Amino acid sequence: MVRAVKFRESFMHVVEENLPYSLRSNTIDYSAVSTLHYLGNYVRQLPVNMARMMENAYDWEHLPFVHQSSFSSIALIESGSWGWRAKASLPPVGSDNFQIIELLVDAPRNYWATTVLAGQGEAVQIHTQATELSRDGIEVDIRFYLPQAPTDSSQSELILNYLQAQYGQLYDEDLGLMEGRQFALDQKQKPNPALASRPEVLIGRVIDMDPDESYMIEMGSDLFVVRNWQRRWVVHSAICPHRLGPLGTAKIDSDGVITCPWHGYRFDIESGKNDSGKCASLKAAPKLVERDGNVYLETLPC
């Protein structure tokens, strides 16, 4: 009976903890904005297309990896075409600082609303309108709302300056991800069949190759990297299979594991397998051969 009571108490705690989020609407309540205090905004033009921007809005996973100064970790609560809710830990690592974040998306309008449901900054709302300027250019208007007005104008200015600086940094960091993904997508659309059809590709003379350099090699629509690890030359895919993240210059740890800088997926460079099993394996790499003082990649079986 005691175990049953404890189980029931534990179960009810979980239910109560998640109940407010499971019952929340998954659509943006535009009328609620009038009940908030408008603090100010941050407007910026970005050299990316709308597809990459909207993709970025839905991408909760990248927050602690691309924005390490703002987020320590993140755990998804729920997600869908409507957006997502997640619990994020905030720096410094090991602290109790957290936020329960809700991001609702109005995809037809290229609009999303972020609300801090609990934790640091609770009840703050941030609404973003993205507008297409050209095929490869957009503008974002990020508007900051507080549950109530600050006590005076100096406090209001201080909070606004902080939020504007934070979002300036966030978009600086996001820009690298969005541009990098677009570049990777473009590369897949224009493969180099000439390299893919050659039986081997010369990378260079061993004596001339810098062990601190990464040598990128295109083969068809695939990109591989030759680099030095533990005093020997190795080759592995330079593209993360999750979202085409860049692995070519990411550090290889002492166990031979490489981590994607965009979403933290980890891969063994020898087998190509993802350590969590949540992602596909790396593209199988061509064979690396050292012969007559040169390093080659064999693209076809001998």
C-alpha atoms as a PDB file:
ATOM      1  CA  MET A   1       0.000   0.000   0.000  1.00  0.00           C
ATOM      2  CA  VAL A   2       2.844   2.405   0.844  1.00  0.00           C
ATOM      3  CA  ARG A   3       4.452   1.733  -2.538  1.00  0.00           C
ATOM      4  CA  ALA A   4       1.101   2.334  -4.259  1.00  0.00           C
ATOM      5  CA  VAL A   5       0.633   5.655  -2.456  1.00  0.00           C
ATOM      6  CA  LYS A   6       4.182   6.760  -3.294  1.00  0.00           C
ATOM      7  CA  PHE A   7       3.699   5.784  -6.921  1.00  0.00           C
ATOM      8  CA  ARG A   8       0.402   7.690  -7.076  1.00  0.00           C
ATOM      9  CA  GLU A   9       1.998  10.763  -5.488  1.00  0.00           C
ATOM     10  CA  SER A  10       4.896  10.584  -7.931  1.00  0.00           C
ATOM     11  CA  PHE A  11       2.526  10.143 -10.870  1.00  0.00           C
ATOM     12  CA  MET A  12       0.361  13.073  -9.797  1.00  0.00           C
ATOM     13  CA  HIS A  13       3.482  15.243  -9.453  1.00  0.00           C
ATOM     14  CA  VAL A  14       4.424  14.462 -13.063  1.00  0.00           C
ATOM     15  CA  VAL A  15       0.862  15.119 -14.240  1.00  0.00           C
ATOM     16  CA  GLU A  16       0.643  18.424 -12.387  1.00  0.00           C
ATOM     17  CA  GLU A  17       4.066  19.465 -13.631  1.00  0.00           C
ATOM     18  CA  ASN A  18       3.145  18.878 -17.286  1.00  0.00           C
ATOM     19  CA  LEU A  19      -0.551  19.745 -17.160  1.00  0.00           C
ATOM     20  CA  PRO A  20      -0.166  23.514 -17.773  1.00  0.00           C
ATOM     21  CA  TYR A  21       1.847  22.874 -20.948  1.00  0.00           C
ATOM     22  CA  SER A  22      -0.260  20.057 -22.353  1.00  0.00           C
ATOM     23  CA  LEU A  23      -3.403  22.183 -22.045  1.00  0.00           C
ATOM     24  CA  ARG A  24      -1.916  25.301 -23.606  1.00  0.00           C
ATOM     25  CA  SER A  25      -3.077  26.407 -27.031  1.00  0.00           C
ATOM     26  CA  ASN A  26      -0.715  25.647 -29.891  1.00  0.00           C
ATOM     27  CA  THR A  27      -1.695  28.784 -31.812  1.00  0.00           C
ATOM     28  CA  ILE A  28      -0.534  32.358 -31.296  1.00  0.00           C
ATOM     29  CA  ASP A  29      -3.013  34.555 -29.439  1.00  0.00           C
ATOM     30  CA  TYR A  30      -2.412  37.867 -31.185  1.00  0.00           C
ATOM     31  CA  SER A  31      -5.035  39.630 -29.076  1.00  0.00           C
ATOM     32  CA  ALA A  32      -3.045  38.937 -25.891  1.00  0.00           C
ATOM     33  CA  VAL A  33      -0.285  41.283 -27.055  1.00  0.00           C
ATOM     34  CA  SER A  34      -2.444  44.268 -26.108  1.00  0.00           C
ATOM     35  CA  THR A  35      -2.303  43.187 -22.454  1.00  0.00           C
ATOM     36  CA  LEU A  36       1.515  43.301 -22.397  1.00  0.00           C
ATOM     37  CA  HIS A  37       3.985  46.151 -22.141  1.00  0.00           C
ATOM     38  CA  TYR A  38       5.788  46.773 -25.431  1.00  0.00           C
ATOM     39  CA  LEU A  39       9.435  47.428 -24.619  1.00  0.00           C
ATOM     40  CA  GLY A  40      10.984  47.946 -28.062  1.00  0.00           C
ATOM     41  CA  ASN A  41      12.358  45.962 -30.970  1.00  0.00           C
ATOM     42  CA  TYR A  42      15.416  44.804 -32.887  1.00  0.00           C
ATOM     43  CA  VAL A  43      15.371  44.882 -36.681  1.00  0.00           C
ATOM     44  CA  ARG A  44      17.943  43.186 -38.870  1.00  0.00           C
ATOM     45  CA  GLN A  45      18.409  42.217 -42.510  1.00  0.00           C
ATOM     46  CA  LEU A  46      19.938  38.779 -43.118  1.00  0.00           C
ATOM     47  CA  PRO A  47      21.468  37.347 -46.328  1.00  0.00           C
ATOM     48  CA  VAL A  48      19.494  34.084 -46.128  1.00  0.00           C
ATOM     49  CA  ASN A  49      16.294  32.806 -47.688  1.00  0.00           C
ATOM     50  CA  MET A  50      12.997  32.343 -45.875  1.00  0.00           C
ATOM     51  CA  ALA A  51      13.226  28.541 -45.906  1.00  0.00           C
ATOM     52  CA  ARG A  52      16.418  28.597 -43.830  1.00  0.00           C
ATOM     53  CA  MET A  53      14.975  31.182 -41.434  1.00  0.00           C
ATOM     54  CA  MET A  54      11.783  29.223 -40.747  1.00  0.00           C
ATOM     55  CA  GLU A  55      13.787  26.012 -40.441  1.00  0.00           C
ATOM     56  CA  ASN A  56      15.901  27.761 -37.820  1.00  0.00           C
ATOM     57  CA  ALA A  57      12.843  28.852 -35.839  1.00  0.00           C
ATOM     58  CA  TYR A  58      11.669  25.236 -35.497  1.00  0.00           C
ATOM     59  CA  ASP A  59      15.160  24.014 -34.596  1.00  0.00           C
ATOM     60  CA  TRP A  60      15.211  23.813 -30.790  1.00  0.00           C
ATOM     61  CA  GLU A  61      18.127  21.340 -30.767  1.00  0.00           C
ATOM     62  CA  HIS A  62      20.775  23.814 -31.891  1.00  0.00           C
ATOM     63  CA  LEU A  63      20.380  26.219 -28.972  1.00  0.00           C
ATOM     64  CA  PRO A  64      23.043  24.878 -26.537  1.00  0.00           C
ATOM     65  CA  PHE A  65      25.548  24.119 -29.313  1.00  0.00           C
ATOM     66  CA  VAL A  66      25.352  27.215 -31.520  1.00  0.00           C
ATOM     67  CA  HIS A  67      24.464  29.558 -28.621  1.00  0.00           C
ATOM     68  CA  GLN A  68      26.707  28.258 -25.841  1.00  0.00           C
ATOM     69  CA  SER A  69      26.875  31.609 -24.041  1.00  0.00           C
ATOM     70  CA  SER A  70      23.067  31.682 -23.746  1.00  0.00           C
ATOM     71  CA  PHE A  71      22.103  28.020 -23.209  1.00  0.00           C
ATOM     72  CA  SER A  72      23.818  25.105 -21.430  1.00  0.00           C
ATOM     73  CA  SER A  73      21.465  22.286 -22.402  1.00  0.00           C
ATOM     74  CA  ILE A  74      17.922  21.682 -23.596  1.00  0.00           C
ATOM     75  CA  ALA A  75      15.299  18.956 -23.187  1.00  0.00           C
ATOM     76  CA  LEU A  76      12.260  18.798 -25.431  1.00  0.00           C
ATOM     77  CA  ILE A  77       8.818  18.708 -23.811  1.00  0.00           C
ATOM     78  CA  GLU A  78       6.790  18.492 -27.033  1.00  0.00           C
ATOM     79  CA  SER A  79       6.895  19.686 -30.631  1.00  0.00           C
ATOM     80  CA  GLY A  80       4.935  19.683 -33.863  1.00  0.00           C
ATOM     81  CA  SER A  81       4.154  21.744 -36.940  1.00  0.00           C
ATOM     82  CA  TRP A  82       2.869  24.356 -34.480  1.00  0.00           C
ATOM     83  CA  GLY A  83       6.314  24.850 -32.864  1.00  0.00           C
ATOM     84  CA  TRP A  84       7.840  23.459 -29.655  1.00  0.00           C
ATOM     85  CA  ARG A  85       8.178  23.610 -25.885  1.00  0.00           C
ATOM     86  CA  ALA A  86      11.380  22.742 -24.066  1.00  0.00           C
ATOM     87  CA  LYS A  87      13.260  23.186 -20.810  1.00  0.00           C
ATOM     88  CA  ALA A  88      16.596  24.932 -21.242  1.00  0.00           C
ATOM     89  CA  SER A  89      19.380  25.157 -18.672  1.00  0.00           C
ATOM     90  CA  LEU A  90      21.185  28.484 -18.632  1.00  0.00           C
ATOM     91  CA  PRO A  91      24.855  29.295 -17.968  1.00  0.00           C
ATOM     92  CA  PRO A  92      26.886  28.860 -15.946  1.00  0.00           C
ATOM     93  CA  VAL A  93      26.920  25.080 -16.288  1.00  0.00           C
ATOM     94  CA  GLY A  94      25.861  23.447 -13.035  1.00  0.00           C
ATOM     95  CA  SER A  95      23.682  26.337 -11.893  1.00  0.00           C
ATOM     96  CA  ASP A  96      19.936  26.101 -11.226  1.00  0.00           C
ATOM     97  CA  ASN A  97      19.130  28.730 -13.854  1.00  0.00           C
ATOM     98  CA  PHE A  98      16.536  27.517 -16.338  1.00  0.00           C
ATOM     99  CA  GLN A  99      13.713  28.509 -18.657  1.00  0.00           C
ATOM    100  CA  ILE A 100      10.654  26.662 -19.901  1.00  0.00           C
ATOM    101  CA  ILE A 101      10.397  28.039 -23.430  1.00  0.00           C
ATOM    102  CA  GLU A 102       7.424  27.923 -25.759  1.00  0.00           C
ATOM    103  CA  LEU A 103       7.797  28.855 -29.426  1.00  0.00           C
ATOM    104  CA  LEU A 104       4.593  28.979 -31.479  1.00  0.00           C
ATOM    105  CA  VAL A 105       4.817  29.332 -35.253  1.00  0.00           C
ATOM    106  CA  ASP A 106       2.356  30.913 -37.671  1.00  0.00           C
ATOM    107  CA  ALA A 107       4.038  29.494 -40.775  1.00  0.00           C
ATOM    108  CA  PRO A 108       1.821  31.133 -43.444  1.00  0.00           C
ATOM    109  CA  ARG A 109       2.728  34.548 -41.999  1.00  0.00           C
ATOM    110  CA  ASN A 110       6.422  33.710 -41.357  1.00  0.00           C
ATOM    111  CA  TYR A 111       5.783  34.718 -37.766  1.00  0.00           C
ATOM    112  CA  TRP A 112       6.646  33.128 -34.432  1.00  0.00           C
ATOM    113  CA  ALA A 113       6.067  34.022 -30.789  1.00  0.00           C
ATOM    114  CA  THR A 114       8.390  32.938 -28.002  1.00  0.00           C
ATOM    115  CA  THR A 115       7.169  32.904 -24.391  1.00  0.00           C
ATOM    116  CA  VAL A 116       9.122  32.121 -21.230  1.00  0.00           C
ATOM    117  CA  LEU A 117       6.594  29.988 -19.361  1.00  0.00           C
ATOM    118  CA  ALA A 118       8.733  29.540 -16.230  1.00  0.00           C
ATOM    119  CA  GLY A 119      12.176  30.317 -14.888  1.00  0.00           C
ATOM    120  CA  GLN A 120      14.419  33.277 -15.589  1.00  0.00           C
ATOM    121  CA  GLY A 121      12.482  35.963 -17.451  1.00  0.00           C
ATOM    122  CA  GLU A 122       9.115  34.309 -16.788  1.00  0.00           C
ATOM    123  CA  ALA A 123       6.194  35.764 -18.805  1.00  0.00           C
ATOM    124  CA  VAL A 124       8.451  37.651 -21.218  1.00  0.00           C
ATOM    125  CA  GLN A 125       7.232  37.325 -24.795  1.00  0.00           C
ATOM    126  CA  ILE A 126       9.258  37.884 -27.951  1.00  0.00           C
ATOM    127  CA  HIS A 127       7.423  38.099 -31.278  1.00  0.00           C
ATOM    128  CA  THR A 128       9.271  37.845 -34.575  1.00  0.00           C
ATOM    129  CA  GLN A 129       8.029  38.788 -38.036  1.00  0.00           C
ATOM    130  CA  ALA A 130      10.210  37.659 -40.926  1.00  0.00           C
ATOM    131  CA  THR A 131       9.746  39.414 -44.270  1.00  0.00           C
ATOM    132  CA  GLU A 132      11.191  38.299 -47.589  1.00  0.00           C
ATOM    133  CA  LEU A 133      13.205  41.054 -49.288  1.00  0.00           C
ATOM    134  CA  SER A 134      14.657  39.013 -52.143  1.00  0.00           C
ATOM    135  CA  ARG A 135      15.350  35.420 -53.115  1.00  0.00           C
ATOM    136  CA  ASP A 136      18.290  35.306 -50.708  1.00  0.00           C
ATOM    137  CA  GLY A 137      17.481  38.077 -48.275  1.00  0.00           C
ATOM    138  CA  ILE A 138      15.038  38.623 -45.428  1.00  0.00           C
ATOM    139  CA  GLU A 139      14.358  41.081 -42.641  1.00  0.00           C
ATOM    140  CA  VAL A 140      13.437  40.103 -39.091  1.00  0.00           C
ATOM    141  CA  ASP A 141      11.574  42.446 -36.746  1.00  0.00           C
ATOM    142  CA  ILE A 142      11.881  41.118 -33.186  1.00  0.00           C
ATOM    143  CA  ARG A 143       9.496  42.796 -30.738  1.00  0.00           C
ATOM    144  CA  PHE A 144       9.981  42.493 -26.972  1.00  0.00           C
ATOM    145  CA  TYR A 145       7.036  42.399 -24.537  1.00  0.00           C
ATOM    146  CA  LEU A 146       7.022  42.336 -20.725  1.00  0.00           C
ATOM    147  CA  PRO A 147       4.123  41.300 -18.471  1.00  0.00           C
ATOM    148  CA  GLN A 148       4.231  44.781 -16.921  1.00  0.00           C
ATOM    149  CA  ALA A 149       6.071  48.047 -17.419  1.00  0.00           C
ATOM    150  CA  PRO A 150       9.455  48.565 -15.682  1.00  0.00           C
ATOM    151  CA  THR A 151       9.504  50.891 -12.694  1.00  0.00           C
ATOM    152  CA  ASP A 152      11.166  53.748 -14.620  1.00  0.00           C
ATOM    153  CA  SER A 153      12.588  54.690 -18.017  1.00  0.00           C
ATOM    154  CA  SER A 154      16.188  53.929 -17.061  1.00  0.00           C
ATOM    155  CA  GLN A 155      15.287  50.332 -16.149  1.00  0.00           C
ATOM    156  CA  SER A 156      13.285  50.036 -19.343  1.00  0.00           C
ATOM    157  CA  GLU A 157      16.253  51.220 -21.399  1.00  0.00           C
ATOM    158  CA  LEU A 158      18.596  48.833 -19.569  1.00  0.00           C
ATOM    159  CA  ILE A 159      16.382  45.791 -20.277  1.00  0.00           C
ATOM    160  CA  LEU A 160      15.871  46.776 -23.917  1.00  0.00           C
ATOM    161  CA  ASN A 161      19.589  47.286 -24.490  1.00  0.00           C
ATOM    162  CA  TYR A 162      20.283  43.867 -22.979  1.00  0.00           C
ATOM    163  CA  LEU A 163      17.705  42.126 -25.178  1.00  0.00           C
ATOM    164  CA  GLN A 164      18.862  43.923 -28.311  1.00  0.00           C
ATOM    165  CA  ALA A 165      22.480  42.949 -27.644  1.00  0.00           C
ATOM    166  CA  GLN A 166      21.507  39.358 -26.888  1.00  0.00           C
ATOM    167  CA  TYR A 167      19.497  39.003 -30.086  1.00  0.00           C
ATOM    168  CA  GLY A 168      22.257  40.644 -32.079  1.00  0.00           C
ATOM    169  CA  GLN A 169      24.612  37.926 -30.845  1.00  0.00           C
ATOM    170  CA  LEU A 170      22.046  35.154 -31.376  1.00  0.00           C
ATOM    171  CA  TYR A 171      21.565  36.152 -35.004  1.00  0.00           C
ATOM    172  CA  ASP A 172      25.321  36.503 -35.528  1.00  0.00           C
ATOM    173  CA  GLU A 173      25.603  32.874 -34.434  1.00  0.00           C
ATOM    174  CA  ASP A 174      22.512  31.651 -36.296  1.00  0.00           C
ATOM    175  CA  LEU A 175      23.736  33.228 -39.518  1.00  0.00           C
ATOM    176  CA  GLY A 176      26.700  30.851 -39.695  1.00  0.00           C
ATOM    177  CA  LEU A 177      24.383  27.850 -39.301  1.00  0.00           C
ATOM    178  CA  MET A 178      21.847  29.041 -41.885  1.00  0.00           C
ATOM    179  CA  GLU A 179      24.464  30.020 -44.468  1.00  0.00           C
ATOM    180  CA  GLY A 180      26.407  26.803 -43.852  1.00  0.00           C
ATOM    181  CA  ARG A 181      23.325  24.659 -44.372  1.00  0.00           C
ATOM    182  CA  GLN A 182      22.393  26.482 -47.573  1.00  0.00           C
ATOM    183  CA  PHE A 183      25.927  26.023 -48.906  1.00  0.00           C
ATOM    184  CA  ALA A 184      25.791  22.293 -48.111  1.00  0.00           C
ATOM    185  CA  LEU A 185      22.415  21.953 -49.831  1.00  0.00           C
ATOM    186  CA  ASP A 186      23.711  23.796 -52.907  1.00  0.00           C
ATOM    187  CA  GLN A 187      26.782  21.556 -53.067  1.00  0.00           C
ATOM    188  CA  LYS A 188      24.620  18.435 -53.068  1.00  0.00           C
ATOM    189  CA  GLN A 189      22.769  19.799 -56.088  1.00  0.00           C
ATOM    190  CA  LYS A 190      25.913  20.203 -58.193  1.00  0.00           C
ATOM    191  CA  PRO A 191      28.108  17.124 -57.715  1.00  0.00           C
ATOM    192  CA  ASN A 192      31.492  16.702 -59.397  1.00  0.00           C
ATOM    193  CA  PRO A 193      31.155  13.393 -61.320  1.00  0.00           C
ATOM    194  CA  ALA A 194      34.690  13.647 -62.697  1.00  0.00           C
ATOM    195  CA  LEU A 195      36.260  13.146 -59.264  1.00  0.00           C
ATOM    196  CA  ALA A 196      33.803  10.412 -58.342  1.00  0.00           C
ATOM    197  CA  SER A 197      34.740   8.404 -61.463  1.00  0.00           C
ATOM    198  CA  ARG A 198      38.518   8.462 -60.894  1.00  0.00           C
ATOM    199  CA  PRO A 199      39.969   5.305 -59.295  1.00  0.00           C
ATOM    200  CA  GLU A 200      42.025   7.386 -56.859  1.00  0.00           C
ATOM    201  CA  VAL A 201      42.612  10.972 -55.844  1.00  0.00           C
ATOM    202  CA  LEU A 202      46.000  12.318 -54.816  1.00  0.00           C
ATOM    203  CA  ILE A 203      45.775  14.339 -51.609  1.00  0.00           C
ATOM    204  CA  GLY A 204      49.445  15.305 -51.435  1.00  0.00           C
ATOM    205  CA  ARG A 205      52.955  14.302 -50.520  1.00  0.00           C
ATOM    206  CA  VAL A 206      53.226  13.217 -46.886  1.00  0.00           C
ATOM    207  CA  ILE A 207      56.282  15.408 -46.374  1.00  0.00           C
ATOM    208  CA  ASP A 208      54.339  18.481 -47.535  1.00  0.00           C
ATOM    209  CA  MET A 209      51.048  17.838 -45.705  1.00  0.00           C
ATOM    210  CA  ASP A 210      50.434  19.882 -42.565  1.00  0.00           C
ATOM    211  CA  PRO A 211      49.117  17.669 -39.706  1.00  0.00           C
ATOM    212  CA  ASP A 212      47.153  20.641 -38.370  1.00  0.00           C
ATOM    213  CA  GLU A 213      45.275  21.144 -41.653  1.00  0.00           C
ATOM    214  CA  SER A 214      42.007  19.568 -42.859  1.00  0.00           C
ATOM    215  CA  TYR A 215      42.043  18.583 -46.545  1.00  0.00           C
ATOM    216  CA  MET A 216      38.538  18.682 -48.045  1.00  0.00           C
ATOM    217  CA  ILE A 217      37.835  16.418 -51.004  1.00  0.00           C
ATOM    218  CA  GLU A 218      34.665  16.455 -53.123  1.00  0.00           C
ATOM    219  CA  MET A 219      33.580  13.126 -54.596  1.00  0.00           C
ATOM    220  CA  GLY A 220      30.380  13.349 -56.552  1.00  0.00           C
ATOM    221  CA  SER A 221      27.846  14.942 -54.186  1.00  0.00           C
ATOM    222  CA  ASP A 222      29.836  13.857 -51.118  1.00  0.00           C
ATOM    223  CA  LEU A 223      32.466  15.772 -49.163  1.00  0.00           C
ATOM    224  CA  PHE A 224      35.208  14.024 -47.206  1.00  0.00           C
ATOM    225  CA  VAL A 225      38.079  15.302 -45.105  1.00  0.00           C
ATOM    226  CA  VAL A 226      41.595  13.938 -44.723  1.00  0.00           C
ATOM    227  CA  ARG A 227      43.257  14.926 -41.457  1.00  0.00           C
ATOM    228  CA  ASN A 228      45.874  13.781 -38.988  1.00  0.00           C
ATOM    229  CA  TRP A 229      44.750  12.059 -35.793  1.00  0.00           C
ATOM    230  CA  GLN A 230      47.095  10.442 -33.293  1.00  0.00           C
ATOM    231  CA  ARG A 231      49.997  10.803 -35.734  1.00  0.00           C
ATOM    232  CA  ARG A 232      48.300   9.067 -38.639  1.00  0.00           C
ATOM    233  CA  TRP A 233      46.210  10.233 -41.571  1.00  0.00           C
ATOM    234  CA  VAL A 234      42.505   9.370 -41.461  1.00  0.00           C
ATOM    235  CA  VAL A 235      39.502  10.138 -43.658  1.00  0.00           C
ATOM    236  CA  HIS A 236      35.849  10.606 -42.739  1.00  0.00           C
ATOM    237  CA  SER A 237      32.730  12.337 -44.059  1.00  0.00           C
ATOM    238  CA  ALA A 238      32.840  16.100 -43.642  1.00  0.00           C
ATOM    239  CA  ILE A 239      29.034  16.317 -43.525  1.00  0.00           C
ATOM    240  CA  CYS A 240      26.748  15.434 -40.614  1.00  0.00           C
ATOM    241  CA  PRO A 241      23.836  13.291 -41.882  1.00  0.00           C
ATOM    242  CA  HIS A 242      21.391  15.070 -39.557  1.00  0.00           C
ATOM    243  CA  ARG A 243      21.243  18.576 -41.059  1.00  0.00           C
ATOM    244  CA  LEU A 244      24.433  18.618 -43.175  1.00  0.00           C
ATOM    245  CA  GLY A 245      26.442  20.194 -40.354  1.00  0.00           C
ATOM    246  CA  PRO A 246      30.190  20.798 -40.911  1.00  0.00           C
ATOM    247  CA  LEU A 247      32.439  18.066 -39.514  1.00  0.00           C
ATOM    248  CA  GLY A 248      35.551  18.903 -41.519  1.00  0.00           C
ATOM    249  CA  THR A 249      37.232  21.028 -38.849  1.00  0.00           C
ATOM    250  CA  ALA A 250      35.446  19.740 -35.731  1.00  0.00           C
ATOM    251  CA  LYS A 251      37.827  18.346 -33.108  1.00  0.00           C
ATOM    252  CA  ILE A 252      38.346  14.589 -32.850  1.00  0.00           C
ATOM    253  CA  ASP A 253      38.581  13.515 -29.214  1.00  0.00           C
ATOM    254  CA  SER A 254      40.988  10.927 -27.783  1.00  0.00           C
ATOM    255  CA  ASP A 255      38.444   8.137 -28.395  1.00  0.00           C
ATOM    256  CA  GLY A 256      38.157   8.967 -32.093  1.00  0.00           C
ATOM    257  CA  VAL A 257      34.759  10.622 -31.730  1.00  0.00           C
ATOM    258  CA  ILE A 258      33.758  13.788 -33.553  1.00  0.00           C
ATOM    259  CA  THR A 259      30.914  16.093 -32.489  1.00  0.00           C
ATOM    260  CA  CYS A 260      28.753  18.130 -34.854  1.00  0.00           C
ATOM    261  CA  PRO A 261      28.956  21.803 -33.819  1.00  0.00           C
ATOM    262  CA  TRP A 262      25.334  22.468 -34.787  1.00  0.00           C
ATOM    263  CA  HIS A 263      23.356  19.873 -32.835  1.00  0.00           C
ATOM    264  CA  GLY A 264      25.879  17.872 -30.833  1.00  0.00           C
ATOM    265  CA  TYR A 265      25.505  14.536 -32.622  1.00  0.00           C
ATOM    266  CA  ARG A 266      28.617  12.391 -32.042  1.00  0.00           C
ATOM    267  CA  PHE A 267      30.188   9.957 -34.501  1.00  0.00           C
ATOM    268  CA  ASP A 268      33.005   7.422 -34.413  1.00  0.00           C
ATOM    269  CA  ILE A 269      35.368   8.394 -37.244  1.00  0.00           C
ATOM    270  CA  GLU A 270      36.356   4.757 -37.869  1.00  0.00           C
ATOM    271  CA  SER A 271      32.892   3.158 -38.087  1.00  0.00           C
ATOM    272  CA  GLY A 272      30.909   6.315 -38.785  1.00  0.00           C
ATOM    273  CA  LYS A 273      28.248   5.277 -36.267  1.00  0.00           C
ATOM    274  CA  ASN A 274      26.336   7.783 -34.156  1.00  0.00           C
ATOM    275  CA  ASP A 275      26.882   6.990 -30.474  1.00  0.00           C
ATOM    276  CA  SER A 276      23.239   7.569 -29.470  1.00  0.00           C
ATOM    277  CA  GLY A 277      21.666   5.736 -32.387  1.00  0.00           C
ATOM    278  CA  LYS A 278      19.365   8.732 -32.938  1.00  0.00           C
ATOM    279  CA  CYS A 279      21.076   9.737 -36.172  1.00  0.00           C
ATOM    280  CA  ALA A 280      22.149   7.904 -39.308  1.00  0.00           C
ATOM    281  CA  SER A 281      25.795   6.900 -39.664  1.00  0.00           C
ATOM    282  CA  LEU A 282      28.309   9.012 -41.539  1.00  0.00           C
ATOM    283  CA  LYS A 283      28.660   8.413 -45.267  1.00  0.00           C
ATOM    284  CA  ALA A 284      31.111   5.548 -45.796  1.00  0.00           C
ATOM    285  CA  ALA A 285      34.519   7.045 -46.533  1.00  0.00           C
ATOM    286  CA  PRO A 286      36.834   5.971 -49.363  1.00  0.00           C
ATOM    287  CA  LYS A 287      39.946   4.040 -48.460  1.00  0.00           C
ATOM    288  CA  LEU A 288      43.006   6.089 -47.536  1.00  0.00           C
ATOM    289  CA  VAL A 289      46.329   4.766 -48.828  1.00  0.00           C
ATOM    290  CA  GLU A 290      49.910   5.954 -48.290  1.00  0.00           C
ATOM    291  CA  ARG A 291      52.116   4.899 -51.203  1.00  0.00           C
ATOM    292  CA  ASP A 292      55.512   6.070 -52.403  1.00  0.00           C
ATOM    293  CA  GLY A 293      55.454   8.986 -49.966  1.00  0.00           C
ATOM    294  CA  ASN A 294      52.006  10.176 -51.143  1.00  0.00           C
ATOM    295  CA  VAL A 295      48.507  10.062 -49.635  1.00  0.00           C
ATOM    296  CA  TYR A 296      45.665   8.877 -51.874  1.00  0.00           C
ATOM    297  CA  LEU A 297      41.968   8.227 -51.577  1.00  0.00           C
ATOM    298  CA  GLU A 298      40.806   5.164 -53.486  1.00  0.00           C
ATOM    299  CA  THR A 299      37.370   5.945 -54.868  1.00  0.00           C
ATOM    300  CA  LEU A 300      36.735   2.533 -56.423  1.00  0.00           C
ATOM    301  CA  PRO A 301      37.568  -0.994 -55.256  1.00  0.00           C
ATOM    302  CA  CYS A 302      40.988  -2.190 -56.418  1.00  0.00           C
END
